[in-house]
Structure formats: C-alpha cells, structure tokens
Protein backbone atom coordinates (compact mmCIF):
# COMPACT_ATOMS: atom_id res chain seq x y z
CA MET A 1 22.15 2.62 -15.24
CA PRO A 2 24.43 1.84 -12.25
CA GLU A 3 24.07 -1.39 -10.33
CA GLU A 4 22.91 -1.31 -6.73
CA PRO A 5 26.05 -1.72 -4.55
CA ARG A 6 26.48 -4.91 -2.58
CA GLU A 7 27.33 -2.92 0.55
CA ASN A 8 23.83 -1.47 0.51
CA ILE A 9 22.90 -4.12 3.03
CA SER A 10 19.21 -3.19 3.00
CA GLY A 11 18.92 -4.10 -0.66
CA GLY A 12 21.84 -5.79 -2.35
CA GLU A 13 22.10 -8.24 -5.18
CA ASP A 14 19.65 -10.92 -4.11
CA GLY A 15 16.00 -10.38 -3.29
CA SER A 16 15.43 -7.82 -6.02
CA ALA A 17 14.37 -7.68 -9.64
CA ALA A 18 14.63 -4.94 -12.23
CA ALA A 19 11.37 -3.16 -12.93
CA VAL A 20 10.18 -0.58 -15.43
CA PHE A 21 7.49 1.95 -14.64
CA GLU A 22 5.60 3.80 -17.32
CA ALA A 23 6.57 7.44 -17.71
CA GLY A 24 3.83 9.84 -16.73
CA THR A 25 2.95 12.88 -14.71
CA ALA A 26 3.80 12.42 -11.05
CA GLY A 27 0.91 13.02 -8.69
CA THR A 28 3.10 14.54 -5.96
CA ARG A 29 6.53 16.12 -5.69
CA ALA A 30 7.69 13.13 -3.66
CA GLU A 31 6.73 10.84 -6.54
CA ALA A 32 8.54 13.14 -8.98
CA VAL A 33 11.67 12.90 -6.82
CA VAL A 34 11.45 9.09 -6.72
CA ASP A 35 10.93 8.98 -10.50
CA GLU A 36 14.09 11.05 -10.99
CA LEU A 37 16.01 8.81 -8.61
CA GLY A 38 14.78 5.78 -10.56
CA GLY A 39 16.22 7.25 -13.75
CA LEU A 40 19.46 8.21 -12.03
CA TYR A 41 20.00 4.86 -10.29
CA TRP A 42 17.62 1.90 -10.57
CA GLN A 43 14.00 0.84 -10.67
CA LYS A 44 13.47 -2.41 -8.80
CA THR A 45 11.01 -4.49 -6.89
CA TYR A 46 12.10 -6.24 -3.73
CA GLY A 47 11.17 -9.30 -1.76
CA GLY A 48 12.20 -12.91 -1.41
CA LYS A 49 15.01 -12.60 1.10
CA ASP A 50 14.90 -14.87 4.13
CA ALA A 51 12.98 -12.94 6.78
CA PHE A 52 15.10 -13.89 9.77
CA GLU A 53 18.37 -13.25 7.97
CA SER A 54 16.96 -9.86 6.89
CA LEU A 55 16.16 -9.14 10.52
CA VAL A 56 19.69 -10.06 11.57
CA ARG A 57 21.19 -7.99 8.74
CA THR A 58 19.27 -4.91 9.74
CA ILE A 59 20.12 -5.25 13.44
CA LEU A 60 23.78 -5.43 12.44
CA SER A 61 23.41 -2.26 10.37
CA GLN A 62 22.04 -0.19 13.26
CA ASN A 63 24.22 2.81 14.15
CA THR A 64 26.96 1.88 11.71
CA SER A 65 27.78 2.00 8.02
CA ASP A 66 26.87 -0.72 5.57
CA VAL A 67 30.57 -1.11 4.80
CA ALA A 68 31.18 -2.06 8.44
CA SER A 69 28.10 -4.24 8.89
CA GLN A 70 28.55 -6.33 5.74
CA PRO A 71 31.70 -8.12 7.02
CA ALA A 72 29.91 -8.80 10.31
CA HIS A 73 26.99 -10.35 8.44
CA ASP A 74 29.34 -12.46 6.32
CA ALA A 75 31.23 -13.67 9.40
CA LEU A 76 27.99 -14.51 11.19
CA MET A 77 26.71 -16.53 8.25
CA GLU A 78 30.01 -18.33 7.88
CA ARG A 79 29.93 -19.36 11.52
CA TYR A 80 26.24 -20.04 12.12
CA GLY A 81 24.71 -20.48 8.67
CA ALA A 82 24.48 -23.58 6.50
CA ASP A 83 28.24 -23.62 5.97
CA GLY A 84 29.10 -22.86 9.57
CA GLU A 85 29.97 -24.82 12.68
CA VAL A 86 26.81 -26.91 13.01
CA ASP A 87 26.23 -30.55 13.73
CA GLU A 88 27.04 -32.64 10.65
CA ALA A 89 23.67 -34.39 10.78
CA SER A 90 21.78 -31.12 10.34
CA ALA A 91 24.27 -29.14 8.28
CA SER A 92 22.26 -29.33 5.07
CA GLY A 93 19.12 -27.92 6.70
CA VAL A 94 20.43 -25.65 9.42
CA ASP A 95 17.90 -23.23 10.89
CA LEU A 96 19.69 -19.91 11.41
CA ALA A 97 17.27 -18.86 14.14
CA ALA A 98 17.82 -22.10 16.06
CA ALA A 99 21.60 -21.84 15.65
CA LEU A 100 21.66 -18.27 16.96
CA ALA A 101 19.22 -19.01 19.79
CA ASP A 102 21.74 -21.59 21.03
CA ALA A 103 24.77 -19.40 20.37
CA GLU A 104 27.14 -18.33 23.12
CA GLN A 105 26.65 -14.58 23.26
CA SER A 106 30.32 -13.78 23.83
CA GLU A 107 31.25 -15.87 20.80
CA LEU A 108 28.62 -14.17 18.68
CA ALA A 109 29.79 -10.74 19.88
CA GLU A 110 33.33 -11.57 18.78
CA THR A 111 32.04 -12.77 15.41
CA ILE A 112 30.16 -9.53 14.66
CA SER A 113 32.66 -7.13 16.23
CA SER A 114 33.23 -5.21 12.98
CA ALA A 115 29.65 -3.88 13.16
CA GLY A 116 30.24 -1.97 16.38
CA LEU A 117 28.09 -2.11 19.55
CA TYR A 118 28.64 -5.84 19.29
CA ASN A 119 27.69 -6.69 22.87
CA GLN A 120 24.30 -5.00 22.49
CA LYS A 121 23.70 -6.38 19.02
CA SER A 122 24.66 -9.93 19.96
CA ALA A 123 22.16 -9.80 22.85
CA MET A 124 19.48 -8.47 20.49
CA ILE A 125 20.16 -11.18 17.91
CA VAL A 126 20.11 -14.03 20.44
CA GLY A 127 16.92 -12.63 21.98
CA ALA A 128 15.27 -12.26 18.56
CA ALA A 129 16.30 -15.80 17.61
CA GLU A 130 14.81 -17.21 20.82
CA ARG A 131 11.59 -15.30 20.19
CA VAL A 132 11.35 -16.52 16.59
CA CYS A 133 11.89 -20.12 17.67
CA GLU A 134 9.35 -19.88 20.48
CA GLU A 135 6.58 -18.16 18.52
CA TYR A 136 7.11 -19.37 14.94
CA GLY A 137 9.00 -22.63 15.33
CA GLY A 138 12.12 -21.29 13.64
CA ALA A 139 13.23 -19.32 10.62
CA ASP A 140 10.88 -21.02 8.13
CA GLY A 141 7.79 -20.31 10.21
CA PHE A 142 8.87 -16.71 10.73
CA ASP A 143 9.44 -16.32 6.99
CA ALA A 144 5.93 -17.60 6.25
CA PHE A 145 4.47 -15.18 8.79
CA VAL A 146 6.29 -12.16 7.32
CA ARG A 147 5.33 -13.02 3.74
CA GLY A 148 1.77 -14.15 4.32
CA GLU A 149 0.14 -12.19 7.11
CA ASP A 150 -1.33 -8.69 7.16
CA PRO A 151 1.50 -6.11 6.92
CA GLY A 152 0.18 -4.13 9.87
CA GLU A 153 0.10 -7.26 12.03
CA VAL A 154 3.61 -8.23 10.90
CA ARG A 155 4.97 -4.75 11.63
CA GLU A 156 3.40 -4.77 15.10
CA ALA A 157 4.88 -8.19 15.87
CA LEU A 158 8.32 -7.12 14.65
CA LEU A 159 8.25 -3.96 16.75
CA ASP A 160 7.49 -6.10 19.78
CA ILE A 161 10.88 -7.82 19.45
CA HIS A 162 13.54 -6.19 21.64
CA GLY A 163 15.95 -4.14 19.54
CA VAL A 164 13.63 -3.84 16.55
CA GLY A 165 12.64 -0.28 15.67
CA PRO A 166 10.53 1.06 12.82
CA LYS A 167 13.33 1.09 10.22
CA THR A 168 14.33 -2.49 11.03
CA ALA A 169 10.72 -3.69 10.87
CA ASP A 170 10.12 -1.89 7.58
CA CYS A 171 13.27 -3.34 6.00
CA VAL A 172 12.11 -6.86 6.87
CA LEU A 173 8.65 -6.10 5.43
CA LEU A 174 10.16 -4.75 2.22
CA PHE A 175 13.11 -6.99 1.48
CA ALA A 176 11.72 -10.27 2.82
CA GLY A 177 7.98 -9.71 2.55
CA GLY A 178 8.10 -7.80 -0.73
CA ARG A 179 5.37 -5.50 0.53
CA ASP A 180 4.36 -2.50 -1.59
CA GLY A 181 3.91 0.83 0.15
CA VAL A 182 6.74 0.34 2.63
CA PHE A 183 9.34 3.15 2.62
CA PRO A 184 11.95 2.50 5.35
CA VAL A 185 13.47 5.69 6.76
CA ASP A 186 17.13 5.70 7.70
CA THR A 187 19.32 8.74 8.44
CA HIS A 188 19.77 9.53 4.72
CA VAL A 189 16.05 9.37 3.92
CA HIS A 190 15.19 11.36 7.06
CA ARG A 191 17.63 14.13 6.13
CA ILE A 192 16.82 14.29 2.42
CA ALA A 193 13.03 14.23 2.75
CA ARG A 194 13.08 17.17 5.18
CA ARG A 195 15.78 19.10 3.31
CA MET A 196 13.88 18.78 0.05
CA GLY A 197 10.61 19.81 1.67
CA LEU A 198 8.92 16.45 1.11
CA ALA A 199 8.15 16.29 4.84
CA PRO A 200 7.98 18.93 7.59
CA ALA A 201 11.39 20.19 8.69
CA ASP A 202 10.83 19.01 12.26
CA ALA A 203 9.33 15.62 11.35
CA ASP A 204 10.69 12.58 13.16
CA HIS A 205 11.47 9.33 11.35
CA GLU A 206 7.92 8.00 11.69
CA ALA A 207 6.36 11.21 10.41
CA VAL A 208 8.68 11.18 7.40
CA ARG A 209 7.75 7.55 6.70
CA GLU A 210 4.04 8.33 6.88
CA ARG A 211 4.38 11.27 4.52
CA LEU A 212 6.46 9.39 1.95
CA GLU A 213 4.22 6.32 2.03
CA ALA A 214 1.20 8.60 1.49
CA ASP A 215 2.80 10.54 -1.39
CA VAL A 216 4.70 7.81 -3.28
CA PRO A 217 2.84 4.99 -5.10
CA GLY A 218 3.29 1.70 -3.28
CA GLU A 219 5.20 -0.05 -6.05
CA LYS A 220 7.80 2.75 -6.12
CA CYS A 221 8.51 2.91 -2.39
CA GLY A 222 11.13 0.14 -2.37
CA PHE A 223 13.49 1.56 -4.95
CA GLY A 224 12.69 5.04 -3.62
CA HIS A 225 14.25 3.94 -0.34
CA THR A 226 17.41 2.35 -1.75
CA ALA A 227 17.97 5.01 -4.43
CA MET A 228 17.48 7.85 -1.95
CA ILE A 229 20.15 6.30 0.26
CA GLN A 230 22.54 6.24 -2.70
CA PHE A 231 21.64 9.85 -3.53
CA GLY A 232 22.46 10.80 0.05
CA ARG A 233 25.87 9.20 -0.24
CA GLU A 234 26.74 10.77 -3.58
CA TYR A 235 25.00 14.14 -3.66
CA CYS A 236 22.93 15.15 -0.64
CA THR A 237 25.43 14.53 2.14
CA ALA A 238 24.87 15.84 5.64
CA ARG A 239 27.65 18.44 5.72
CA LYS A 240 28.26 19.40 2.10
CA PRO A 241 25.37 18.76 -0.28
CA ALA A 242 26.19 19.10 -3.97
CA CYS A 243 23.99 22.21 -4.34
CA LEU A 244 26.69 24.23 -2.56
CA ASP A 245 28.71 23.83 -5.76
CA GLY A 246 25.90 25.35 -7.83
CA PRO A 247 22.53 24.29 -9.29
CA GLU A 248 24.18 22.23 -12.02
CA ALA A 249 25.93 20.03 -9.45
CA CYS A 250 22.72 18.42 -8.20
CA PRO A 251 20.39 16.48 -10.53
CA LEU A 252 17.40 17.15 -8.22
CA TYR A 253 18.04 20.85 -7.67
CA ASP A 254 14.76 21.99 -9.24
CA LEU A 255 12.72 19.66 -7.05
CA CYS A 256 14.36 20.71 -3.77
CA ASP A 257 13.49 23.42 -1.22
CA ARG A 258 17.00 23.21 0.30
CA VAL A 259 15.68 23.67 3.85
CA GLY A 260 18.64 24.45 6.10
CA VAL A 261 21.03 25.04 3.19
CA ASP A 262 22.50 28.54 2.74
CA GLU A 263 23.94 28.51 -0.76
CA VAL A 264 25.30 32.05 -0.49
CA GLY A 265 26.92 31.55 2.90
CA GLU A 266 27.84 27.95 2.01
CA SER A 267 26.57 26.66 5.34
CA VAL A 268 24.26 23.79 6.27
CA VAL A 269 22.15 23.09 9.35
CA ASP A 270 19.63 20.39 10.14
CA PRO A 271 16.24 21.29 8.61
CA ALA A 272 14.64 21.23 12.08
CA GLU A 273 17.12 23.85 13.27
CA ALA A 274 16.42 26.02 10.25
CA ALA A 275 12.69 25.86 10.91
CA ILE A 276 12.95 27.47 14.37
CA ARG A 277 15.22 30.34 13.30
C-alpha cells in the first residue's frame, strides 16, 4: 500500500497512525467508495498534531497547491518555530502563537511568499495568533481547547477567526483534535463527491460535507478525506478523469455516476452545470 505523501499538507507523516477496519458490507455507497479508497491507498486515524501549527498550515494551503505551501510552512517554522530567530532565553520553549503575534507582517509575508497571496495570508496568521494568545493564553491553551472541548463548540470558535473557513476548521478538528466524523471538503473532495453522485450535483462545500459525514462512519472520515484527495490527483482530475480512457482505467468506475462526464464525446463539465442542462 502506498505511503501518504509528505506534500499532502493536511495529513502528512506525523499525526497519523495506520489502522485496519474489518471488511464488511458498506451501509452506503459513500462508505463503499471510502472502503475502496482505503484499499487503494491507506487506512489511517489522525490526530495529535499541534492545533495552532495545523491552523497555520491550513491557512497557508488556501488557494494554492500543497507543493507550494509546504516550503512556506517549512520556512515559517524555521524562522519562528523552536529553531528560529527567538530570544535565547526562551528558545527551548518557544510558543509559535506568541512568536507570530509579535511578528512583523512584512517579514512574515516575505517568509511565506512561496504559498501565494502572502500579504493576505500573513495578515490572517498574525491575526489568528493574536486571537489565540488573547483567548487561550497561547498555543498550548489553544491545543487543549481543540482536543478537549465539544467539537461543535470548537468548530464555531475556529470559524469566528478571520480567514478561517469550514475546510480550515475541519482540518484542525481532524488532524489536531483527532475527531471522528469530520470529513474536510477541499476542491478535490467537492468535485469527486458530486461527480460520483455521492452528493447533489449543485451542492456547495458545506452540503457535500454534511452528506459525506452522514453517509460515512465517523472512524473512516479522516482517511476518506486524504485518500479522496490522492484519488483526485491520480485518477479523477478536473479536466481529464481516468474514465475517459475506458472503464478499466478507473478503479472506482462501478461506483461512479460520472455526472458531467461524457465518455462518448470525451468532454467534462462541472456536475452543477450538467445538472441544469
């Protein structure tokens, strides 16, 4: 079974553990899809990442590829993390939230420039850091809140931070909080769920999330998210899904409605566009 790629910034090497789920009859087609993805890629549980660093990671990944956001994250941690340019007296116990709350925004923007939209993202990160320090006393307090409080309360608090949308909040809940039943929806998941018919063709990101979280057992939602992203990169791409090369080219062909895909004409449109034709 392939290893989860490091550039999958939502998941990655740390904060996850291999898991094995008993084979059985899936209760829904969405669960059947996730089971197939688990056999194709990986079955894992998530949790244990630092909550504030997860928040920063996901802000950096907004509107850009993981390949571009990973170097920005690494540069940020090198400059502001435990090994970065902090006072020698506190270097061993640096609080990333405190360091970023005090950061010069122009300097931070330069540091994360590879992620794109760096002026906006640097302002979001500084603002989030200030909020975390004010309300939770720093990164440790924020981490305890994310891991220990009611998931609905945590999600609401995260969404109240400027620059944090549903996908960002859900990634923090999943990869830091280790919460079952959280299925973050990025562009890959949004496209695939609607193309396969797992959600209505015109569903927005929140409607897709609600449908997947209702139809996929909680313990399978985490690897369903990361494996579906990988499937979107390798097979179910936006412009040329593998099914255009024939049924044998896609391992999930028999589970897919192919909404918006014209196999005969070899053309593809967004599922929402196909639904109004």
